[in-house]
Amino acid sequence: MCHNISMPSVNLRQLRDTKRLKSWLRAGKIVELRERDQVIARIVPEKADEKPGKWPDFEARAREILGDRVLPNVVLEDRGRY
């Protein structure tokens, strides 16, 4: 029998202990539901809606580093050479 140690599992009788089950699910772990050492289901936690991160202001960062200098666009100039 192959058993994944890192995945928590409960049998049907232990399912009454919802406090432990809820803590595993809140931690993002998948819980195996077993009956007589056989997996009959997997309880998968609901993914929380993640808000996209705010992008940095690249233009302000470039101004801070380069000042008023304008760099040539080497990619566009070399595009026809190859």
N, C-alpha and C. Protein backbone atom coordinates (compact mmCIF):
# COMPACT_ATOMS: atom_id res chain seq x y z
N MET A 1 0.84 -1.18 0.00
CA MET A 1 0.00 0.00 0.00
C MET A 1 0.88 1.24 0.00
N CYS A 2 0.65 2.13 -0.91
CA CYS A 2 1.40 3.38 -1.01
C CYS A 2 0.63 4.46 -0.27
N HIS A 3 1.30 5.14 0.65
CA HIS A 3 0.63 6.16 1.45
C HIS A 3 1.49 7.41 1.48
N ASN A 4 0.90 8.51 1.12
CA ASN A 4 1.61 9.78 1.13
C ASN A 4 1.56 10.36 2.54
N ILE A 5 2.70 10.40 3.21
CA ILE A 5 2.77 10.82 4.61
C ILE A 5 2.43 12.30 4.78
N SER A 6 2.79 13.13 3.81
CA SER A 6 2.59 14.56 3.97
C SER A 6 1.13 14.98 3.87
N MET A 7 0.27 14.13 3.31
CA MET A 7 -1.14 14.48 3.18
C MET A 7 -1.90 13.95 4.39
N PRO A 8 -2.56 14.83 5.14
CA PRO A 8 -3.33 14.35 6.30
C PRO A 8 -4.50 13.50 5.85
N SER A 9 -4.87 12.55 6.69
CA SER A 9 -6.02 11.71 6.36
C SER A 9 -6.84 11.46 7.61
N VAL A 10 -8.13 11.27 7.41
CA VAL A 10 -9.05 10.95 8.50
C VAL A 10 -9.93 9.80 8.04
N ASN A 11 -10.38 8.98 8.99
CA ASN A 11 -11.36 7.96 8.61
C ASN A 11 -12.75 8.50 8.95
N LEU A 12 -13.76 7.74 8.61
CA LEU A 12 -15.12 8.24 8.77
C LEU A 12 -15.47 8.57 10.22
N ARG A 13 -14.96 7.80 11.16
CA ARG A 13 -15.25 8.08 12.57
C ARG A 13 -14.56 9.35 13.05
N GLN A 14 -13.35 9.59 12.55
CA GLN A 14 -12.63 10.80 12.96
C GLN A 14 -13.19 12.06 12.33
N LEU A 15 -14.07 11.91 11.37
CA LEU A 15 -14.62 13.06 10.67
C LEU A 15 -15.45 13.94 11.60
N ARG A 16 -15.84 13.43 12.75
CA ARG A 16 -16.59 14.22 13.73
C ARG A 16 -15.75 15.35 14.31
N ASP A 17 -14.43 15.16 14.32
CA ASP A 17 -13.53 16.18 14.84
C ASP A 17 -13.31 17.24 13.76
N THR A 18 -14.29 18.11 13.62
CA THR A 18 -14.23 19.10 12.55
C THR A 18 -13.20 20.19 12.81
N LYS A 19 -12.81 20.38 14.07
CA LYS A 19 -11.82 21.42 14.38
C LYS A 19 -10.49 21.13 13.68
N ARG A 20 -10.03 19.89 13.77
CA ARG A 20 -8.77 19.51 13.14
C ARG A 20 -8.91 19.56 11.61
N LEU A 21 -10.03 19.07 11.10
CA LEU A 21 -10.27 19.08 9.66
C LEU A 21 -10.27 20.51 9.12
N LYS A 22 -10.94 21.41 9.81
CA LYS A 22 -10.99 22.81 9.37
C LYS A 22 -9.62 23.45 9.40
N SER A 23 -8.82 23.13 10.39
CA SER A 23 -7.48 23.74 10.46
C SER A 23 -6.61 23.27 9.29
N TRP A 24 -6.73 21.99 8.92
CA TRP A 24 -5.97 21.50 7.76
C TRP A 24 -6.43 22.20 6.48
N LEU A 25 -7.75 22.32 6.31
CA LEU A 25 -8.27 22.94 5.10
C LEU A 25 -7.91 24.41 5.02
N ARG A 26 -7.96 25.12 6.15
CA ARG A 26 -7.57 26.54 6.16
C ARG A 26 -6.09 26.71 5.84
N ALA A 27 -5.28 25.69 6.18
CA ALA A 27 -3.85 25.74 5.87
C ALA A 27 -3.58 25.37 4.41
N GLY A 28 -4.63 25.03 3.66
CA GLY A 28 -4.49 24.73 2.24
C GLY A 28 -4.12 23.29 1.95
N LYS A 29 -4.28 22.39 2.92
CA LYS A 29 -3.91 20.99 2.72
C LYS A 29 -5.10 20.19 2.19
N ILE A 30 -4.80 19.23 1.32
CA ILE A 30 -5.81 18.29 0.84
C ILE A 30 -5.90 17.16 1.86
N VAL A 31 -7.12 16.80 2.24
CA VAL A 31 -7.33 15.78 3.28
C VAL A 31 -7.94 14.54 2.63
N GLU A 32 -7.34 13.38 2.91
CA GLU A 32 -7.88 12.12 2.40
C GLU A 32 -8.93 11.59 3.37
N LEU A 33 -10.05 11.14 2.84
CA LEU A 33 -11.09 10.51 3.63
C LEU A 33 -10.97 9.00 3.39
N ARG A 34 -10.77 8.25 4.47
CA ARG A 34 -10.50 6.82 4.36
C ARG A 34 -11.57 6.00 5.06
N GLU A 35 -11.77 4.81 4.52
CA GLU A 35 -12.62 3.80 5.16
C GLU A 35 -11.86 2.49 5.10
N ARG A 36 -11.48 1.98 6.27
CA ARG A 36 -10.69 0.74 6.39
C ARG A 36 -9.41 0.81 5.55
N ASP A 37 -8.67 1.87 5.74
CA ASP A 37 -7.37 2.10 5.09
C ASP A 37 -7.43 2.22 3.58
N GLN A 38 -8.59 2.49 3.02
CA GLN A 38 -8.70 2.74 1.59
C GLN A 38 -9.25 4.14 1.39
N VAL A 39 -8.60 4.88 0.52
CA VAL A 39 -9.04 6.25 0.23
C VAL A 39 -10.34 6.19 -0.56
N ILE A 40 -11.36 6.85 -0.03
CA ILE A 40 -12.64 6.89 -0.75
C ILE A 40 -12.94 8.29 -1.28
N ALA A 41 -12.23 9.30 -0.76
CA ALA A 41 -12.44 10.67 -1.25
C ALA A 41 -11.27 11.55 -0.83
N ARG A 42 -11.15 12.68 -1.49
CA ARG A 42 -10.21 13.72 -1.10
C ARG A 42 -10.98 15.02 -0.94
N ILE A 43 -10.75 15.67 0.18
CA ILE A 43 -11.40 16.95 0.45
C ILE A 43 -10.39 18.03 0.09
N VAL A 44 -10.75 18.85 -0.89
CA VAL A 44 -9.85 19.87 -1.42
C VAL A 44 -10.33 21.24 -0.93
N PRO A 45 -9.42 22.05 -0.35
CA PRO A 45 -9.84 23.36 0.13
C PRO A 45 -10.15 24.31 -1.02
N GLU A 46 -11.07 25.21 -0.77
CA GLU A 46 -11.44 26.23 -1.74
C GLU A 46 -10.32 27.26 -1.81
N LYS A 47 -9.95 27.63 -3.01
CA LYS A 47 -8.89 28.63 -3.18
C LYS A 47 -9.47 30.02 -2.91
N ALA A 48 -8.72 30.80 -2.17
CA ALA A 48 -9.13 32.17 -1.88
C ALA A 48 -8.86 33.02 -3.12
N ASP A 49 -9.72 34.00 -3.34
CA ASP A 49 -9.51 34.92 -4.46
C ASP A 49 -8.31 35.80 -4.15
N GLU A 50 -7.29 35.65 -4.98
CA GLU A 50 -6.09 36.44 -4.79
C GLU A 50 -6.18 37.68 -5.67
N LYS A 51 -5.97 38.82 -5.07
CA LYS A 51 -5.97 40.06 -5.83
C LYS A 51 -4.61 40.19 -6.53
N PRO A 52 -4.63 40.62 -7.78
CA PRO A 52 -3.35 40.78 -8.47
C PRO A 52 -2.52 41.88 -7.81
N GLY A 53 -1.23 41.68 -7.79
CA GLY A 53 -0.34 42.65 -7.18
C GLY A 53 -0.26 43.92 -8.00
N LYS A 54 0.11 44.98 -7.37
CA LYS A 54 0.21 46.27 -8.04
C LYS A 54 1.56 46.34 -8.76
N TRP A 55 1.52 46.71 -10.03
CA TRP A 55 2.74 46.83 -10.81
C TRP A 55 3.53 48.06 -10.40
N PRO A 56 4.85 47.96 -10.39
CA PRO A 56 5.66 49.13 -10.07
C PRO A 56 5.61 50.14 -11.22
N ASP A 57 5.92 51.38 -10.91
CA ASP A 57 5.94 52.44 -11.92
C ASP A 57 7.30 52.39 -12.61
N PHE A 58 7.35 51.65 -13.73
CA PHE A 58 8.61 51.46 -14.44
C PHE A 58 9.15 52.76 -15.03
N GLU A 59 8.25 53.62 -15.48
CA GLU A 59 8.69 54.89 -16.07
C GLU A 59 9.36 55.77 -15.02
N ALA A 60 8.79 55.83 -13.82
CA ALA A 60 9.39 56.63 -12.75
C ALA A 60 10.73 56.03 -12.32
N ARG A 61 10.81 54.71 -12.29
CA ARG A 61 12.06 54.05 -11.92
C ARG A 61 13.15 54.32 -12.96
N ALA A 62 12.79 54.28 -14.24
CA ALA A 62 13.76 54.56 -15.30
C ALA A 62 14.23 56.01 -15.23
N ARG A 63 13.31 56.94 -14.96
CA ARG A 63 13.70 58.36 -14.81
C ARG A 63 14.65 58.54 -13.64
N GLU A 64 14.40 57.82 -12.57
CA GLU A 64 15.25 57.91 -11.38
C GLU A 64 16.66 57.40 -11.68
N ILE A 65 16.77 56.34 -12.46
CA ILE A 65 18.08 55.75 -12.77
C ILE A 65 18.78 56.51 -13.89
N LEU A 66 18.06 56.79 -14.99
CA LEU A 66 18.68 57.34 -16.18
C LEU A 66 18.61 58.86 -16.27
N GLY A 67 17.71 59.47 -15.55
CA GLY A 67 17.53 60.91 -15.68
C GLY A 67 16.82 61.23 -16.99
N ASP A 68 17.36 62.22 -17.73
CA ASP A 68 16.75 62.64 -19.00
C ASP A 68 17.37 61.94 -20.21
N ARG A 69 18.32 61.04 -19.99
CA ARG A 69 18.97 60.35 -21.11
C ARG A 69 17.98 59.46 -21.84
N VAL A 70 18.13 59.39 -23.15
CA VAL A 70 17.30 58.53 -23.97
C VAL A 70 18.21 57.47 -24.57
N LEU A 71 17.91 56.21 -24.30
CA LEU A 71 18.72 55.12 -24.82
C LEU A 71 18.16 54.65 -26.15
N PRO A 72 19.04 54.26 -27.09
CA PRO A 72 18.54 53.75 -28.37
C PRO A 72 17.87 52.40 -28.19
N ASN A 73 16.89 52.13 -29.00
CA ASN A 73 16.20 50.85 -28.95
C ASN A 73 16.96 49.87 -29.85
N VAL A 74 17.90 49.16 -29.28
CA VAL A 74 18.79 48.27 -30.02
C VAL A 74 18.02 47.11 -30.62
N VAL A 75 16.98 46.65 -29.99
CA VAL A 75 16.22 45.52 -30.50
C VAL A 75 15.57 45.87 -31.83
N LEU A 76 14.95 47.03 -31.93
CA LEU A 76 14.31 47.41 -33.17
C LEU A 76 15.32 47.67 -34.28
N GLU A 77 16.47 48.24 -33.93
CA GLU A 77 17.49 48.53 -34.93
C GLU A 77 18.11 47.26 -35.50
N ASP A 78 18.30 46.24 -34.66
CA ASP A 78 18.94 45.00 -35.10
C ASP A 78 17.97 43.97 -35.65
N ARG A 79 16.71 44.28 -35.68
CA ARG A 79 15.72 43.29 -36.08
C ARG A 79 15.92 42.81 -37.51
N GLY A 80 16.28 43.68 -38.43
CA GLY A 80 16.43 43.28 -39.83
C GLY A 80 17.77 42.64 -40.14
N ARG A 81 18.72 42.69 -39.23
CA ARG A 81 20.07 42.17 -39.50
C ARG A 81 20.11 40.65 -39.48
N TYR A 82 19.26 39.99 -38.79
CA TYR A 82 19.39 38.54 -38.60
C TYR A 82 18.31 37.77 -39.29
